[in-house]
Amino acid sequence: MKQYPIDALWQELIYLAYHLHWPLDDLLDLEHVDRARLVHGVSALNARAWEEARQL
């Protein structure tokens, strides 16, 4: 079984905790694929918000 890099895990956890305000235990309970999907979704929302702000 291949282990997920701890630094990458912490980057995901910090990013999601910052944006979603979820407790660490809840984030750690997520499967990797679910956590990655959330990171991608939050990132897309941020990109869209920044694009809209630039157009003002």
PDB file of N, CA and C in Angstrom:
ATOM      1  N   MET A   1       0.832  -1.179   0.000  1.00  0.00           N
ATOM      2  CA  MET A   1       0.000   0.000   0.000  1.00  0.00           C
ATOM      3  C   MET A   1       0.882   1.250   0.000  1.00  0.00           C
ATOM      4  N   LYS A   2       0.598   2.159  -0.920  1.00  0.00           N
ATOM      5  CA  LYS A   2       1.368   3.379  -1.034  1.00  0.00           C
ATOM      6  C   LYS A   2       0.833   4.419  -0.040  1.00  0.00           C
ATOM      7  N   GLN A   3       1.745   5.063   0.700  1.00  0.00           N
ATOM      8  CA  GLN A   3       1.354   6.041   1.700  1.00  0.00           C
ATOM      9  C   GLN A   3       1.295   7.428   1.065  1.00  0.00           C
ATOM     10  N   TYR A   4       0.267   8.193   1.397  1.00  0.00           N
ATOM     11  CA  TYR A   4       0.100   9.556   0.895  1.00  0.00           C
ATOM     12  C   TYR A   4       1.110  10.465   1.599  1.00  0.00           C
ATOM     13  N   PRO A   5       1.808  11.318   0.875  1.00  0.00           N
ATOM     14  CA  PRO A   5       2.818  12.197   1.485  1.00  0.00           C
ATOM     15  C   PRO A   5       2.210  13.100   2.569  1.00  0.00           C
ATOM     16  N   ILE A   6       2.814  13.109   3.731  1.00  0.00           N
ATOM     17  CA  ILE A   6       2.285  13.837   4.879  1.00  0.00           C
ATOM     18  C   ILE A   6       2.210  15.337   4.606  1.00  0.00           C
ATOM     19  N   ASP A   7       3.176  15.899   3.895  1.00  0.00           N
ATOM     20  CA  ASP A   7       3.137  17.332   3.582  1.00  0.00           C
ATOM     21  C   ASP A   7       1.944  17.673   2.686  1.00  0.00           C
ATOM     22  N   ALA A   8       1.655  16.821   1.731  1.00  0.00           N
ATOM     23  CA  ALA A   8       0.501  17.045   0.854  1.00  0.00           C
ATOM     24  C   ALA A   8      -0.798  16.942   1.645  1.00  0.00           C
ATOM     25  N   LEU A   9      -0.870  15.985   2.554  1.00  0.00           N
ATOM     26  CA  LEU A   9      -2.048  15.839   3.411  1.00  0.00           C
ATOM     27  C   LEU A   9      -2.274  17.117   4.218  1.00  0.00           C
ATOM     28  N   TRP A  10      -1.218  17.632   4.836  1.00  0.00           N
ATOM     29  CA  TRP A  10      -1.354  18.837   5.655  1.00  0.00           C
ATOM     30  C   TRP A  10      -1.737  20.043   4.813  1.00  0.00           C
ATOM     31  N   GLN A  11      -1.230  20.140   3.598  1.00  0.00           N
ATOM     32  CA  GLN A  11      -1.622  21.247   2.715  1.00  0.00           C
ATOM     33  C   GLN A  11      -3.118  21.192   2.424  1.00  0.00           C
ATOM     34  N   GLU A  12      -3.633  20.002   2.159  1.00  0.00           N
ATOM     35  CA  GLU A  12      -5.066  19.841   1.915  1.00  0.00           C
ATOM     36  C   GLU A  12      -5.873  20.193   3.154  1.00  0.00           C
ATOM     37  N   LEU A  13      -5.426  19.703   4.308  1.00  0.00           N
ATOM     38  CA  LEU A  13      -6.151  19.955   5.556  1.00  0.00           C
ATOM     39  C   LEU A  13      -6.195  21.439   5.890  1.00  0.00           C
ATOM     40  N   ILE A  14      -5.069  22.118   5.752  1.00  0.00           N
ATOM     41  CA  ILE A  14      -4.999  23.544   6.048  1.00  0.00           C
ATOM     42  C   ILE A  14      -5.895  24.334   5.090  1.00  0.00           C
ATOM     43  N   TYR A  15      -5.835  24.013   3.827  1.00  0.00           N
ATOM     44  CA  TYR A  15      -6.638  24.699   2.816  1.00  0.00           C
ATOM     45  C   TYR A  15      -8.125  24.545   3.117  1.00  0.00           C
ATOM     46  N   LEU A  16      -8.564  23.322   3.394  1.00  0.00           N
ATOM     47  CA  LEU A  16      -9.978  23.087   3.656  1.00  0.00           C
ATOM     48  C   LEU A  16     -10.417  23.671   4.987  1.00  0.00           C
ATOM     49  N   ALA A  17      -9.598  23.554   6.008  1.00  0.00           N
ATOM     50  CA  ALA A  17      -9.952  24.118   7.313  1.00  0.00           C
ATOM     51  C   ALA A  17     -10.100  25.632   7.205  1.00  0.00           C
ATOM     52  N   TYR A  18      -9.217  26.271   6.467  1.00  0.00           N
ATOM     53  CA  TYR A  18      -9.262  27.723   6.293  1.00  0.00           C
ATOM     54  C   TYR A  18     -10.543  28.153   5.579  1.00  0.00           C
ATOM     55  N   HIS A  19     -10.868  27.474   4.490  1.00  0.00           N
ATOM     56  CA  HIS A  19     -11.998  27.893   3.670  1.00  0.00           C
ATOM     57  C   HIS A  19     -13.342  27.380   4.167  1.00  0.00           C
ATOM     58  N   LEU A  20     -13.378  26.190   4.741  1.00  0.00           N
ATOM     59  CA  LEU A  20     -14.648  25.598   5.152  1.00  0.00           C
ATOM     60  C   LEU A  20     -14.930  25.722   6.640  1.00  0.00           C
ATOM     61  N   HIS A  21     -13.890  26.029   7.414  1.00  0.00           N
ATOM     62  CA  HIS A  21     -14.027  26.152   8.876  1.00  0.00           C
ATOM     63  C   HIS A  21     -14.510  24.848   9.515  1.00  0.00           C
ATOM     64  N   TRP A  22     -14.028  23.739   8.979  1.00  0.00           N
ATOM     65  CA  TRP A  22     -14.366  22.442   9.536  1.00  0.00           C
ATOM     66  C   TRP A  22     -13.306  22.043  10.554  1.00  0.00           C
ATOM     67  N   PRO A  23     -13.708  21.298  11.574  1.00  0.00           N
ATOM     68  CA  PRO A  23     -12.719  20.813  12.556  1.00  0.00           C
ATOM     69  C   PRO A  23     -11.761  19.799  11.924  1.00  0.00           C
ATOM     70  N   LEU A  24     -10.569  19.746  12.459  1.00  0.00           N
ATOM     71  CA  LEU A  24      -9.538  18.834  11.953  1.00  0.00           C
ATOM     72  C   LEU A  24     -10.011  17.387  11.944  1.00  0.00           C
ATOM     73  N   ASP A  25     -10.682  16.958  12.999  1.00  0.00           N
ATOM     74  CA  ASP A  25     -11.152  15.567  13.055  1.00  0.00           C
ATOM     75  C   ASP A  25     -12.090  15.234  11.898  1.00  0.00           C
ATOM     76  N   ASP A  26     -12.969  16.163  11.544  1.00  0.00           N
ATOM     77  CA  ASP A  26     -13.882  15.924  10.422  1.00  0.00           C
ATOM     78  C   ASP A  26     -13.119  15.807   9.108  1.00  0.00           C
ATOM     79  N   LEU A  27     -12.117  16.649   8.934  1.00  0.00           N
ATOM     80  CA  LEU A  27     -11.319  16.582   7.708  1.00  0.00           C
ATOM     81  C   LEU A  27     -10.496  15.298   7.637  1.00  0.00           C
ATOM     82  N   LEU A  28      -9.963  14.871   8.779  1.00  0.00           N
ATOM     83  CA  LEU A  28      -9.174  13.636   8.805  1.00  0.00           C
ATOM     84  C   LEU A  28     -10.028  12.404   8.561  1.00  0.00           C
ATOM     85  N   ASP A  29     -11.315  12.490   8.864  1.00  0.00           N
ATOM     86  CA  ASP A  29     -12.220  11.359   8.650  1.00  0.00           C
ATOM     87  C   ASP A  29     -12.563  11.143   7.182  1.00  0.00           C
ATOM     88  N   LEU A  30     -12.298  12.149   6.343  1.00  0.00           N
ATOM     89  CA  LEU A  30     -12.610  12.034   4.923  1.00  0.00           C
ATOM     90  C   LEU A  30     -11.658  11.075   4.226  1.00  0.00           C
ATOM     91  N   GLU A  31     -12.174  10.357   3.260  1.00  0.00           N
ATOM     92  CA  GLU A  31     -11.321   9.556   2.379  1.00  0.00           C
ATOM     93  C   GLU A  31     -10.541  10.516   1.482  1.00  0.00           C
ATOM     94  N   HIS A  32      -9.395  10.068   1.021  1.00  0.00           N
ATOM     95  CA  HIS A  32      -8.547  10.932   0.194  1.00  0.00           C
ATOM     96  C   HIS A  32      -9.298  11.457  -1.026  1.00  0.00           C
ATOM     97  N   VAL A  33     -10.027  10.606  -1.709  1.00  0.00           N
ATOM     98  CA  VAL A  33     -10.723  11.039  -2.927  1.00  0.00           C
ATOM     99  C   VAL A  33     -11.762  12.110  -2.600  1.00  0.00           C
ATOM    100  N   ASP A  34     -12.432  12.008  -1.470  1.00  0.00           N
ATOM    101  CA  ASP A  34     -13.417  13.020  -1.073  1.00  0.00           C
ATOM    102  C   ASP A  34     -12.730  14.335  -0.704  1.00  0.00           C
ATOM    103  N   ARG A  35     -11.630  14.239   0.013  1.00  0.00           N
ATOM    104  CA  ARG A  35     -10.874  15.427   0.391  1.00  0.00           C
ATOM    105  C   ARG A  35     -10.340  16.126  -0.861  1.00  0.00           C
ATOM    106  N   ALA A  36      -9.832  15.359  -1.794  1.00  0.00           N
ATOM    107  CA  ALA A  36      -9.312  15.933  -3.039  1.00  0.00           C
ATOM    108  C   ALA A  36     -10.433  16.601  -3.836  1.00  0.00           C
ATOM    109  N   ARG A  37     -11.608  16.007  -3.847  1.00  0.00           N
ATOM    110  CA  ARG A  37     -12.749  16.604  -4.553  1.00  0.00           C
ATOM    111  C   ARG A  37     -13.136  17.933  -3.906  1.00  0.00           C
ATOM    112  N   LEU A  38     -13.111  17.997  -2.581  1.00  0.00           N
ATOM    113  CA  LEU A  38     -13.405  19.244  -1.884  1.00  0.00           C
ATOM    114  C   LEU A  38     -12.361  20.312  -2.186  1.00  0.00           C
ATOM    115  N   VAL A  39     -11.088  19.932  -2.183  1.00  0.00           N
ATOM    116  CA  VAL A  39     -10.023  20.888  -2.512  1.00  0.00           C
ATOM    117  C   VAL A  39     -10.256  21.449  -3.910  1.00  0.00           C
ATOM    118  N   HIS A  40     -10.556  20.598  -4.852  1.00  0.00           N
ATOM    119  CA  HIS A  40     -10.788  21.027  -6.233  1.00  0.00           C
ATOM    120  C   HIS A  40     -12.008  21.959  -6.302  1.00  0.00           C
ATOM    121  N   GLY A  41     -13.074  21.601  -5.609  1.00  0.00           N
ATOM    122  CA  GLY A  41     -14.286  22.414  -5.634  1.00  0.00           C
ATOM    123  C   GLY A  41     -14.085  23.782  -5.008  1.00  0.00           C
ATOM    124  N   VAL A  42     -13.424  23.833  -3.863  1.00  0.00           N
ATOM    125  CA  VAL A  42     -13.159  25.113  -3.201  1.00  0.00           C
ATOM    126  C   VAL A  42     -12.230  25.962  -4.070  1.00  0.00           C
ATOM    127  N   SER A  43     -11.249  25.343  -4.665  1.00  0.00           N
ATOM    128  CA  SER A  43     -10.334  26.057  -5.546  1.00  0.00           C
ATOM    129  C   SER A  43     -11.079  26.663  -6.734  1.00  0.00           C
ATOM    130  N   ALA A  44     -11.998  25.920  -7.310  1.00  0.00           N
ATOM    131  CA  ALA A  44     -12.786  26.425  -8.438  1.00  0.00           C
ATOM    132  C   ALA A  44     -13.663  27.603  -8.009  1.00  0.00           C
ATOM    133  N   LEU A  45     -14.267  27.509  -6.843  1.00  0.00           N
ATOM    134  CA  LEU A  45     -15.079  28.623  -6.332  1.00  0.00           C
ATOM    135  C   LEU A  45     -14.225  29.866  -6.109  1.00  0.00           C
ATOM    136  N   ASN A  46     -13.031  29.688  -5.553  1.00  0.00           N
ATOM    137  CA  ASN A  46     -12.121  30.815  -5.335  1.00  0.00           C
ATOM    138  C   ASN A  46     -11.707  31.447  -6.655  1.00  0.00           C
ATOM    139  N   ALA A  47     -11.393  30.637  -7.637  1.00  0.00           N
ATOM    140  CA  ALA A  47     -10.980  31.155  -8.942  1.00  0.00           C
ATOM    141  C   ALA A  47     -12.119  31.955  -9.575  1.00  0.00           C
ATOM    142  N   ARG A  48     -13.334  31.437  -9.470  1.00  0.00           N
ATOM    143  CA  ARG A  48     -14.483  32.137 -10.027  1.00  0.00           C
ATOM    144  C   ARG A  48     -14.710  33.476  -9.309  1.00  0.00           C
ATOM    145  N   ALA A  49     -14.595  33.471  -7.992  1.00  0.00           N
ATOM    146  CA  ALA A  49     -14.783  34.704  -7.215  1.00  0.00           C
ATOM    147  C   ALA A  49     -13.729  35.750  -7.581  1.00  0.00           C
ATOM    148  N   TRP A  50     -12.469  35.312  -7.718  1.00  0.00           N
ATOM    149  CA  TRP A  50     -11.410  36.248  -8.087  1.00  0.00           C
ATOM    150  C   TRP A  50     -11.627  36.794  -9.499  1.00  0.00           C
ATOM    151  N   GLU A  51     -12.082  35.960 -10.397  1.00  0.00           N
ATOM    152  CA  GLU A  51     -12.345  36.408 -11.770  1.00  0.00           C
ATOM    153  C   GLU A  51     -13.455  37.443 -11.783  1.00  0.00           C
ATOM    154  N   GLU A  52     -14.512  37.213 -11.024  1.00  0.00           N
ATOM    155  CA  GLU A  52     -15.603  38.177 -10.949  1.00  0.00           C
ATOM    156  C   GLU A  52     -15.137  39.489 -10.314  1.00  0.00           C
ATOM    157  N   ALA A  53     -14.289  39.405  -9.307  1.00  0.00           N
ATOM    158  CA  ALA A  53     -13.772  40.611  -8.647  1.00  0.00           C
ATOM    159  C   ALA A  53     -12.906  41.424  -9.601  1.00  0.00           C
ATOM    160  N   ARG A  54     -12.136  40.752 -10.448  1.00  0.00           N
ATOM    161  CA  ARG A  54     -11.284  41.450 -11.413  1.00  0.00           C
ATOM    162  C   ARG A  54     -12.096  42.195 -12.464  1.00  0.00           C
ATOM    163  N   GLN A  55     -13.297  41.701 -12.748  1.00  0.00           N
ATOM    164  CA  GLN A  55     -14.128  42.304 -13.787  1.00  0.00           C
ATOM    165  C   GLN A  55     -14.914  43.514 -13.281  1.00  0.00           C
ATOM    166  N   LEU A  56     -14.870  43.787 -12.003  1.00  0.00           N
ATOM    167  CA  LEU A  56     -15.606  44.942 -11.448  1.00  0.00           C
ATOM    168  C   LEU A  56     -14.927  46.251 -11.764  1.00  0.00           C
TER     169      LEU A  56
END
